[in-house]
Amino acid sequence: MLTWIDAVLQCIAGVALGVVVLSWFSHRCPKPLAQAPARPNRLREDAMLLPVLAYLGAFLAMAGVFGLLGDPKPTSPLGFLAAMVSQLAGAATCLLLASSRFNGGAAALLWGPEESRRLPLVAGLVVLVTLLAVGLCPLLLEGTVRAFHFFRPDHEFSPHSTIQMLHDESQPGFMIVGLWIGAVVVAPTAEELFFRGILQTVVWNATLRRGAAIAASSVAFALAHTQQPHAMPALIALAALLGFVYERTGALLPCILIHAVFNLKTLIWDALGGE
């Protein structure tokens, strides 16, 4: 059943992508980000360092409290709790930076500039990019795995630590709930705040090139998931889609929503045996 659903999603995503490409070329290849809204802010390179330091500081503090130093055990309940606290610390730092360095504060980062808050455009992009993400990114992942297995057919890829923990039948109920909340709420929010909201904005400020900003944040996002090297091409594609949405709307909330739906679909498919 899930195989058929995936096939339908991939067909819909393929058609959506084809419509986008045809529309693009039928208008003589206009620059898709030519009308992207400005995001007035005072973010500089130090803004990328502060959330990272907050994340690492929180993780080291929690690891010290839980006795995890030297053996972080990412698939243990305490390791998961340390990672959650670290993500929250990093997200809080990003919001503090936005509140002091974005014109309009953190609201401008999340909702975009007031003059560019066009609900039909945002809603259309969310639907389109969500379809592209849930349809094409898993296909790209499968293609990458098959290509790798062509050269090393016996290699086994480790699932994400969240998936590993969800498959552990000894996990208490509150941990299962926490894992779902972490994957669908905390991780998308924290990652979008940093990779799109901060890093992508800083690169745009430094280069004045939106394409370079999207590319830099996408590669950095994939490199942050090196525990799954086979997923990196799909993660770059997902991040590029999210980066485009952020540039086109000037708002981070649509990116968080798309990211959350993508993660939710992954967990539901795993729970139903759709891996």
Protein backbone atom coordinates (compact mmCIF):
# COMPACT_ATOMS: atom_id res chain seq x y z
CA MET A 1 0.00 0.00 0.00
CA LEU A 2 2.75 2.47 0.98
CA THR A 3 4.64 1.61 -2.21
CA TRP A 4 1.64 2.73 -4.25
CA ILE A 5 1.29 5.90 -2.20
CA ASP A 6 4.98 6.67 -2.75
CA ALA A 7 4.55 6.06 -6.48
CA VAL A 8 1.60 8.46 -6.61
CA LEU A 9 3.53 11.09 -4.62
CA GLN A 10 6.50 10.75 -6.93
CA CYS A 11 4.28 11.13 -10.01
CA ILE A 12 2.58 14.20 -8.56
CA ALA A 13 5.97 15.67 -7.60
CA GLY A 14 7.32 14.92 -11.08
CA VAL A 15 4.35 16.62 -12.74
CA ALA A 16 4.68 19.59 -10.39
CA LEU A 17 8.37 19.89 -11.20
CA GLY A 18 7.62 19.64 -14.92
CA VAL A 19 5.01 22.40 -14.67
CA VAL A 20 7.47 24.61 -12.83
CA VAL A 21 10.21 24.03 -15.42
CA LEU A 22 7.88 24.57 -18.39
CA SER A 23 6.45 27.71 -16.82
CA TRP A 24 9.96 28.96 -16.16
CA PHE A 25 11.12 28.47 -19.75
CA SER A 26 7.86 29.66 -21.29
CA HIS A 27 8.50 33.03 -19.70
CA ARG A 28 11.97 33.19 -21.28
CA CYS A 29 13.74 31.88 -18.21
CA PRO A 30 13.05 34.73 -15.79
CA LYS A 31 15.05 34.75 -12.61
CA PRO A 32 12.80 32.98 -10.07
CA LEU A 33 14.15 35.07 -7.19
CA ALA A 34 14.09 38.41 -8.97
CA GLN A 35 11.09 39.50 -6.89
CA ALA A 36 12.32 38.01 -3.61
CA PRO A 37 11.66 40.39 -0.73
CA ALA A 38 14.47 42.13 1.11
CA ARG A 39 15.14 41.06 4.69
CA PRO A 40 16.76 44.09 6.34
CA ASN A 41 19.06 42.91 9.10
CA ARG A 42 22.45 43.41 10.71
CA LEU A 43 23.62 39.79 10.84
CA ARG A 44 27.33 39.23 10.38
CA GLU A 45 29.62 36.21 10.47
CA ASP A 46 29.65 36.07 14.27
CA ALA A 47 25.93 35.26 14.13
CA MET A 48 26.80 31.82 12.74
CA LEU A 49 29.20 31.10 15.59
CA LEU A 50 27.00 32.04 18.54
CA PRO A 51 24.26 29.39 17.99
CA VAL A 52 26.92 26.73 17.41
CA LEU A 53 28.64 27.68 20.67
CA ALA A 54 25.29 27.63 22.48
CA TYR A 55 24.51 24.19 21.04
CA LEU A 56 27.91 22.73 21.91
CA GLY A 57 27.97 24.37 25.35
CA ALA A 58 24.55 23.00 26.22
CA PHE A 59 25.46 19.53 24.97
CA LEU A 60 28.73 19.45 26.91
CA ALA A 61 26.97 20.66 30.03
CA MET A 62 24.25 18.03 29.73
CA ALA A 63 26.77 15.34 28.86
CA GLY A 64 28.76 16.26 31.94
CA VAL A 65 25.68 16.14 34.14
CA PHE A 66 24.64 12.77 32.73
CA GLY A 67 28.15 11.31 32.67
CA LEU A 68 28.15 10.95 28.90
CA LEU A 69 31.48 12.66 28.15
CA GLY A 70 33.64 10.41 26.01
CA ASP A 71 30.64 8.16 25.29
CA PRO A 72 27.70 10.36 24.18
CA LYS A 73 25.45 7.37 23.34
CA PRO A 74 23.15 9.24 20.94
CA THR A 75 20.62 6.38 21.00
CA SER A 76 20.26 6.36 24.79
CA PRO A 77 17.48 8.31 26.55
CA LEU A 78 20.02 10.58 28.26
CA GLY A 79 21.87 11.16 24.99
CA PHE A 80 18.57 12.04 23.32
CA LEU A 81 17.69 14.46 26.13
CA ALA A 82 21.12 16.12 25.84
CA ALA A 83 20.61 16.54 22.09
CA MET A 84 17.12 18.02 22.61
CA VAL A 85 18.35 20.55 25.17
CA SER A 86 21.22 21.47 22.83
CA GLN A 87 18.85 22.08 19.92
CA LEU A 88 16.62 24.23 22.09
CA ALA A 89 19.65 26.26 23.26
CA GLY A 90 20.74 26.81 19.67
CA ALA A 91 17.22 27.77 18.59
CA ALA A 92 16.85 30.23 21.49
CA THR A 93 20.16 31.85 20.52
CA CYS A 94 18.98 32.23 16.91
CA LEU A 95 15.77 33.90 18.08
CA LEU A 96 17.71 36.27 20.35
CA LEU A 97 19.96 37.22 17.44
CA ALA A 98 16.94 37.80 15.22
CA SER A 99 15.19 39.92 17.83
CA SER A 100 18.17 42.27 18.06
CA ARG A 101 19.50 42.24 14.48
CA PHE A 102 16.47 41.92 12.19
CA ASN A 103 14.44 45.00 11.39
CA GLY A 104 11.15 44.03 12.98
CA GLY A 105 12.77 41.54 15.36
CA ALA A 106 12.17 37.80 15.48
CA ALA A 107 8.67 38.30 14.01
CA ALA A 108 10.24 39.55 10.78
CA LEU A 109 12.40 36.42 10.61
CA LEU A 110 9.48 34.07 11.19
CA TRP A 111 6.71 35.86 9.28
CA GLY A 112 8.79 37.83 6.78
CA PRO A 113 8.66 41.56 6.01
CA GLU A 114 5.16 42.91 6.54
CA GLU A 115 4.85 44.18 2.99
CA SER A 116 5.63 40.71 1.54
CA ARG A 117 3.17 38.64 3.61
CA ARG A 118 1.06 37.35 0.73
CA LEU A 119 -0.89 34.31 1.91
CA PRO A 120 -1.79 32.89 -1.54
CA LEU A 121 1.86 32.92 -2.64
CA VAL A 122 3.07 31.38 0.62
CA ALA A 123 0.34 28.72 0.68
CA GLY A 124 1.00 27.78 -2.94
CA LEU A 125 4.73 27.47 -2.37
CA VAL A 126 4.22 25.39 0.77
CA VAL A 127 1.99 22.92 -1.07
CA LEU A 128 4.25 22.76 -4.14
CA VAL A 129 7.52 22.37 -2.27
CA THR A 130 6.02 19.86 0.19
CA LEU A 131 4.94 17.70 -2.76
CA LEU A 132 8.37 17.98 -4.33
CA ALA A 133 10.12 17.15 -1.05
CA VAL A 134 8.05 14.11 -0.03
CA GLY A 135 7.91 12.82 -3.58
CA LEU A 136 11.35 13.38 -5.08
CA CYS A 137 13.75 13.38 -2.12
CA PRO A 138 13.01 9.73 -1.14
CA LEU A 139 13.47 8.80 -4.81
CA LEU A 140 16.85 10.53 -4.82
CA LEU A 141 17.76 8.71 -1.60
CA GLU A 142 16.83 5.36 -3.12
CA GLY A 143 18.87 6.15 -6.22
CA THR A 144 21.90 7.04 -4.10
CA VAL A 145 21.64 3.80 -2.11
CA ARG A 146 21.32 1.72 -5.28
CA ALA A 147 24.30 3.47 -6.85
CA PHE A 148 26.42 2.81 -3.75
CA HIS A 149 25.33 -0.84 -3.63
CA PHE A 150 26.42 -1.24 -7.24
CA PHE A 151 30.01 -0.89 -6.03
CA ARG A 152 29.57 -2.32 -2.51
CA PRO A 153 26.54 -4.62 -2.54
CA ASP A 154 27.11 -5.93 1.00
CA HIS A 155 27.27 -2.53 2.70
CA GLU A 156 24.52 -1.81 5.21
CA PHE A 157 23.55 1.77 6.01
CA SER A 158 22.66 2.66 9.58
CA PRO A 159 19.25 4.28 10.06
CA HIS A 160 18.92 7.65 11.74
CA SER A 161 19.37 7.55 15.51
CA THR A 162 15.71 8.53 15.99
CA ILE A 163 14.60 5.57 13.88
CA GLN A 164 16.93 3.29 15.83
CA MET A 165 15.41 4.42 19.12
CA LEU A 166 11.85 4.07 17.84
CA HIS A 167 12.64 0.46 16.88
CA ASP A 168 13.87 -0.28 20.40
CA GLU A 169 10.94 -2.06 22.06
CA SER A 170 12.37 -1.38 25.51
CA GLN A 171 11.81 2.39 25.15
CA PRO A 172 9.21 3.73 27.62
CA GLY A 173 6.13 5.49 26.28
CA PHE A 174 7.28 8.98 27.22
CA MET A 175 10.47 8.46 25.17
CA ILE A 176 8.44 7.48 22.10
CA VAL A 177 6.37 10.65 22.45
CA GLY A 178 9.54 12.69 22.98
CA LEU A 179 11.16 11.19 19.87
CA TRP A 180 8.18 12.15 17.71
CA ILE A 181 8.07 15.67 19.16
CA GLY A 182 11.81 16.03 18.70
CA ALA A 183 11.70 14.93 15.06
CA VAL A 184 8.54 16.79 14.02
CA VAL A 185 8.73 19.98 16.12
CA VAL A 186 12.10 20.62 17.77
CA ALA A 187 14.49 19.53 15.00
CA PRO A 188 12.71 21.31 12.10
CA THR A 189 12.40 24.51 14.14
CA ALA A 190 15.99 24.53 15.40
CA GLU A 191 17.50 23.53 12.06
CA GLU A 192 15.53 26.04 10.02
CA LEU A 193 16.32 28.84 12.47
CA PHE A 194 20.04 28.20 12.07
CA PHE A 195 20.58 26.94 8.52
CA ARG A 196 18.05 29.13 6.75
CA GLY A 197 17.36 31.97 9.18
CA ILE A 198 20.93 32.66 10.26
CA LEU A 199 23.48 30.96 8.00
CA GLN A 200 21.69 31.59 4.70
CA THR A 201 21.03 35.21 5.65
CA VAL A 202 24.66 35.78 6.64
CA VAL A 203 25.92 34.37 3.32
CA TRP A 204 23.42 36.55 1.44
CA ASN A 205 24.62 39.60 3.35
CA ALA A 206 28.24 38.77 2.53
CA THR A 207 27.80 37.87 -1.16
CA LEU A 208 24.53 39.52 -2.25
CA ARG A 209 23.94 36.32 -4.23
CA ARG A 210 20.82 34.39 -3.29
CA GLY A 211 21.94 31.29 -5.18
CA ALA A 212 25.21 31.21 -3.27
CA ALA A 213 23.36 31.63 0.01
CA ILE A 214 21.00 28.73 -0.78
CA ALA A 215 23.89 26.52 -1.90
CA ALA A 216 25.99 27.25 1.19
CA SER A 217 23.15 26.58 3.63
CA SER A 218 22.15 23.41 1.76
CA VAL A 219 25.64 21.90 1.83
CA ALA A 220 26.08 22.86 5.48
CA PHE A 221 22.72 21.25 6.32
CA ALA A 222 23.77 18.01 4.65
CA LEU A 223 27.19 18.02 6.33
CA ALA A 224 25.45 18.30 9.70
CA HIS A 225 23.93 14.86 8.99
CA THR A 226 27.15 12.97 8.24
CA GLN A 227 25.90 10.01 10.27
CA GLN A 228 23.87 9.23 7.13
CA PRO A 229 26.26 9.85 4.20
CA HIS A 230 23.96 8.03 1.76
CA ALA A 231 21.23 10.59 2.49
CA MET A 232 23.34 13.66 1.77
CA PRO A 233 22.26 14.19 -1.88
CA ALA A 234 18.60 13.98 -0.84
CA LEU A 235 19.25 16.30 2.10
CA ILE A 236 20.94 18.84 -0.17
CA ALA A 237 17.90 18.74 -2.46
CA LEU A 238 15.52 19.17 0.49
CA ALA A 239 17.58 22.05 1.88
CA ALA A 240 17.74 23.75 -1.52
CA LEU A 241 13.94 23.63 -1.76
CA LEU A 242 13.64 25.08 1.74
CA GLY A 243 16.24 27.71 0.95
CA PHE A 244 14.30 28.76 -2.14
CA VAL A 245 11.09 29.09 -0.12
CA TYR A 246 12.87 31.23 2.46
CA GLU A 247 14.30 33.55 -0.16
CA ARG A 248 11.07 33.78 -2.16
CA THR A 249 8.80 34.50 0.82
CA GLY A 250 11.25 36.11 3.25
CA ALA A 251 9.57 34.05 5.98
CA LEU A 252 10.92 31.11 7.96
CA LEU A 253 7.63 29.61 9.19
CA PRO A 254 6.79 28.05 5.78
CA CYS A 255 10.21 26.32 5.81
CA ILE A 256 9.60 24.99 9.32
CA LEU A 257 6.19 23.67 8.26
CA ILE A 258 7.53 21.92 5.15
CA HIS A 259 10.44 20.43 7.11
CA ALA A 260 8.05 19.19 9.83
CA VAL A 261 5.72 17.54 7.29
CA PHE A 262 8.72 15.89 5.60
CA ASN A 263 9.95 14.45 8.91
CA LEU A 264 6.44 13.40 9.92
CA LYS A 265 5.96 11.50 6.67
CA THR A 266 9.29 9.73 7.20
CA LEU A 267 8.32 8.62 10.70
CA ILE A 268 4.82 7.51 9.68
CA TRP A 269 6.19 5.48 6.78
CA ASP A 270 8.75 3.85 9.08
CA ALA A 271 6.08 3.06 11.69
CA LEU A 272 3.88 1.46 9.02
CA GLY A 273 6.75 -0.53 7.60
CA GLY A 274 7.30 1.58 4.52
CA GLU A 275 11.07 1.66 4.70
